[in-house]
Structure formats: C-alpha cells, structure tokens
Protein backbone atom coordinates (compact mmCIF):
# COMPACT_ATOMS: atom_id res chain seq x y z
CA MET A 1 -10.48 -14.97 -0.24
CA HIS A 2 -11.88 -12.85 -3.24
CA ARG A 3 -10.87 -12.70 -6.65
CA ILE A 4 -11.72 -10.22 -9.38
CA LEU A 5 -13.15 -11.96 -12.46
CA ILE A 6 -13.43 -10.34 -15.98
CA ASN A 7 -16.25 -11.08 -18.56
CA LYS A 8 -14.81 -9.18 -21.60
CA GLU A 9 -17.92 -9.97 -23.58
CA LEU A 10 -19.88 -7.58 -21.18
CA CYS A 11 -17.43 -4.71 -21.51
CA ILE A 12 -18.58 -1.75 -23.42
CA GLY A 13 -15.53 0.23 -22.79
CA CYS A 14 -17.24 3.05 -20.87
CA LYS A 15 -14.20 3.35 -18.48
CA SER A 16 -16.58 3.62 -15.22
CA CYS A 17 -14.10 1.33 -13.51
CA VAL A 18 -11.28 3.46 -14.48
CA LEU A 19 -12.92 6.61 -12.98
CA ALA A 20 -14.00 4.84 -10.01
CA CYS A 21 -10.29 3.61 -9.22
CA MET A 22 -9.07 7.25 -9.86
CA LEU A 23 -11.66 8.73 -7.71
CA ARG A 24 -10.87 6.21 -4.84
CA HIS A 25 -7.24 7.29 -4.78
CA ASP A 26 -7.96 11.05 -5.20
CA LEU A 27 -7.80 13.27 -2.23
CA LYS A 28 -10.86 15.31 -3.12
CA LYS A 29 -13.37 12.19 -3.39
CA ASP A 30 -15.65 14.24 -5.66
CA ILE A 31 -16.37 13.08 -9.28
CA TYR A 32 -17.06 16.63 -10.29
CA SER A 33 -13.81 18.01 -9.31
CA LEU A 34 -11.82 14.82 -10.46
CA ASP A 35 -9.06 16.49 -12.76
CA LEU A 36 -8.36 13.96 -15.54
CA GLU A 37 -5.21 15.77 -16.47
CA ASP A 38 -3.37 15.90 -13.10
CA LEU A 39 -0.56 13.38 -13.02
CA ASN A 40 -1.53 12.63 -9.25
CA ASN A 41 -4.80 11.03 -10.37
CA ASP A 42 -3.40 7.77 -11.91
CA SER A 43 -5.68 4.50 -12.22
CA ARG A 44 -4.75 1.15 -11.05
CA ASN A 45 -6.72 -0.23 -13.73
CA HIS A 46 -7.24 0.40 -17.59
CA ILE A 47 -9.19 -0.55 -20.52
CA GLU A 48 -7.29 -2.07 -23.67
CA ILE A 49 -8.67 -2.87 -27.11
CA ASP A 50 -8.17 -6.44 -27.96
CA LYS A 51 -7.35 -7.96 -31.48
CA TYR A 52 -11.03 -8.00 -32.43
CA ASN A 53 -11.35 -4.18 -31.65
CA LYS A 54 -13.35 -4.93 -28.56
CA PRO A 55 -12.67 -3.42 -25.13
CA VAL A 56 -11.14 -5.43 -22.30
CA PRO A 57 -10.77 -4.31 -18.70
CA ILE A 58 -7.29 -4.84 -17.26
CA VAL A 59 -7.38 -5.18 -13.50
CA CYS A 60 -4.81 -6.98 -11.00
CA ARG A 61 -5.81 -10.67 -10.57
CA HIS A 62 -4.07 -10.85 -7.35
CA CYS A 63 -2.68 -14.23 -8.64
CA ASP A 64 -2.14 -17.43 -6.60
CA THR A 65 1.50 -17.31 -7.37
CA PRO A 66 2.21 -13.59 -8.12
CA GLU A 67 5.17 -13.01 -10.38
CA CYS A 68 5.66 -9.41 -8.90
CA VAL A 69 5.98 -10.99 -5.51
CA LEU A 70 8.45 -13.56 -6.68
CA THR A 71 10.67 -11.01 -8.43
CA CYS A 72 10.45 -8.16 -5.80
CA MET A 73 13.92 -8.34 -4.29
CA SER A 74 13.26 -5.57 -1.60
CA GLY A 75 10.13 -7.13 -0.10
CA ALA A 76 7.74 -4.40 -1.16
CA MET A 77 5.32 -6.57 -2.85
CA LYS A 78 3.77 -9.46 -0.71
CA LYS A 79 0.72 -11.55 -0.73
CA ASP A 80 -1.49 -11.95 2.39
CA LYS A 81 -2.32 -15.61 2.99
CA ASP A 82 -5.59 -14.79 4.42
CA SER A 83 -7.22 -12.32 2.17
CA GLY A 84 -5.29 -13.34 -0.94
CA ILE A 85 -4.51 -9.64 -1.71
CA VAL A 86 -1.16 -8.83 -3.23
CA SER A 87 -0.19 -5.39 -1.56
CA TYR A 88 2.68 -2.95 -2.22
CA ASP A 89 4.78 -1.20 0.30
CA LYS A 90 6.12 2.14 -0.94
CA GLU A 91 8.48 2.41 1.97
CA LYS A 92 10.38 -0.87 1.08
CA CYS A 93 10.41 -0.36 -2.60
CA GLY A 94 13.67 -0.01 -4.43
CA VAL A 95 11.90 1.12 -7.53
CA CYS A 96 13.82 -1.45 -9.72
CA TYR A 97 10.75 -2.05 -11.80
CA MET A 98 11.05 -5.76 -11.61
CA CYS A 99 7.38 -6.24 -10.50
CA VAL A 100 6.36 -3.97 -13.49
CA MET A 101 8.43 -6.36 -15.96
CA ALA A 102 7.13 -9.53 -14.25
CA CYS A 103 3.38 -8.94 -14.27
CA PRO A 104 1.87 -11.14 -16.97
CA TYR A 105 -1.16 -8.76 -17.33
CA GLY A 106 0.89 -5.72 -17.88
CA LEU A 107 -0.77 -4.13 -15.24
CA LEU A 108 1.67 -2.68 -12.85
CA LYS A 109 3.25 0.94 -13.69
CA PRO A 110 5.30 3.62 -12.02
CA ASP A 111 3.20 6.82 -11.19
CA ASP A 112 3.26 9.28 -13.96
CA LYS A 113 4.46 12.18 -11.87
CA THR A 114 7.56 11.06 -10.20
CA LYS A 115 8.11 7.37 -11.48
CA GLN A 116 9.16 6.48 -7.92
CA THR A 117 5.85 4.73 -6.79
CA ILE A 118 4.49 1.52 -8.32
CA LEU A 119 0.82 1.79 -8.86
CA LYS A 120 -1.17 -1.45 -7.99
CA CYS A 121 -4.83 -2.40 -7.23
CA ASP A 122 -5.42 -2.83 -3.53
CA MET A 123 -8.87 -4.31 -3.80
CA CYS A 124 -9.93 -1.03 -2.06
CA GLU A 125 -9.32 -3.16 1.24
CA SER A 126 -9.89 -0.26 3.40
CA ILE A 127 -13.58 0.19 2.12
CA GLY A 128 -14.12 -3.59 1.73
CA TYR A 129 -15.21 -3.67 -1.79
CA PRO A 130 -13.52 -2.80 -5.09
CA LYS A 131 -14.84 0.41 -6.57
CA CYS A 132 -14.25 -0.90 -9.93
CA VAL A 133 -16.51 -3.75 -9.56
CA ALA A 134 -19.11 -1.54 -7.78
CA ASN A 135 -19.19 0.90 -10.51
CA CYS A 136 -19.28 -1.55 -13.76
CA PRO A 137 -22.69 -0.87 -15.15
CA THR A 138 -22.64 -4.14 -17.20
CA GLY A 139 -21.24 -6.44 -14.66
CA ALA A 140 -18.04 -7.20 -16.84
CA ILE A 141 -16.02 -6.91 -13.60
CA MET A 142 -17.12 -9.34 -10.94
CA LEU A 143 -15.89 -10.20 -7.55
CA GLN A 144 -15.87 -13.94 -6.65
CA GLU A 145 -15.47 -15.40 -3.29
CA GLU A 146 -12.96 -18.36 -3.62
CA VAL A 147 -13.36 -21.57 -1.82
CA SER A 148 -10.28 -22.50 -0.06
CA ASN A 149 -8.65 -26.09 -0.62
CA GLU A 150 -9.26 -26.81 3.09
CA VAL A 151 -12.92 -26.38 2.56
CA CYS A 152 -13.01 -28.26 -0.74
CA ASN A 153 -11.35 -31.12 0.64
CA SER A 154 -14.02 -31.58 3.27
CA GLY A 155 -16.91 -31.81 0.67
CA CYS A 156 -16.93 -29.74 -2.36
C-alpha cells in the first residue's frame, strides 16, 4: 500500500502538483494547450496558505478509516483493502455531498461545471504513480510504501 505524505516546509507554492493533476485528467494531455479557465479542467488537489502565510499542498490521504467512505450512503466511495486507494464510482453516486462534508482535509469537491461529480484523487492508479508526486520540484509531496501489520508482526 502507498500513502502520499506532505512535507509542508519544502512547499514553495509553485502549483506544479495542481497543474500535473489537471493535465493528468485533461483529454488533450498537452501542457501547452491546457486551458486553465475551462471548467472541465479541475484539479483533485490544491495549495492553501496556512496561518503563517506559507503554502501547503492539500492532497487526498487515502485514510486508513476514510470518513468519505463511512458517510457514503450509496457505496460510491470505497477503499480497496489491497492497494489502500479510496476510489469514487460516479455511477453509484447520489450527489448528496456527504463525502465532501465528511472529509477532514477539505479535499473533496463537486466538479465546477455540473456539480454532479465528486472530484477525488485516484492516485493516478491507471498509470502507476501519482503525477503530483512526480512533478513536485522540491519533494514536498512524497509517496511512501506502507508496511502492513502482517509484515510488522513478523519482524519490524
């Protein structure tokens, strides 16, 4: 299982992670033609400014006990026990926004265009490595391989 970790001290607020996420989910797949004003180009992560006026990347943590999954009444949010990825199924979604309200990180949001799809990080599962991690120039966003309890019980 993988987990995205944040070292906010390394973040410079360049938004490379945001652009990488937008490009990953854009149909054109070309940074030069990415229209930042197009409502279809939503990022699944963002940068916020903390109380010390420092930038902080906000990305899905794929929590051990995800509140978005616990509050989802339709089964649209689920956690894969093997990969640890919390996924979203648009076809099952009732658009009640319970997952949005339950996320402790304030990450989940409805799409800007229709407000009918919840935008959620998929860890770029189809390509095998999160683009936000790969494109962070300072290493503020990292991917960590978690050791399962079964492995730890036998000798961590």
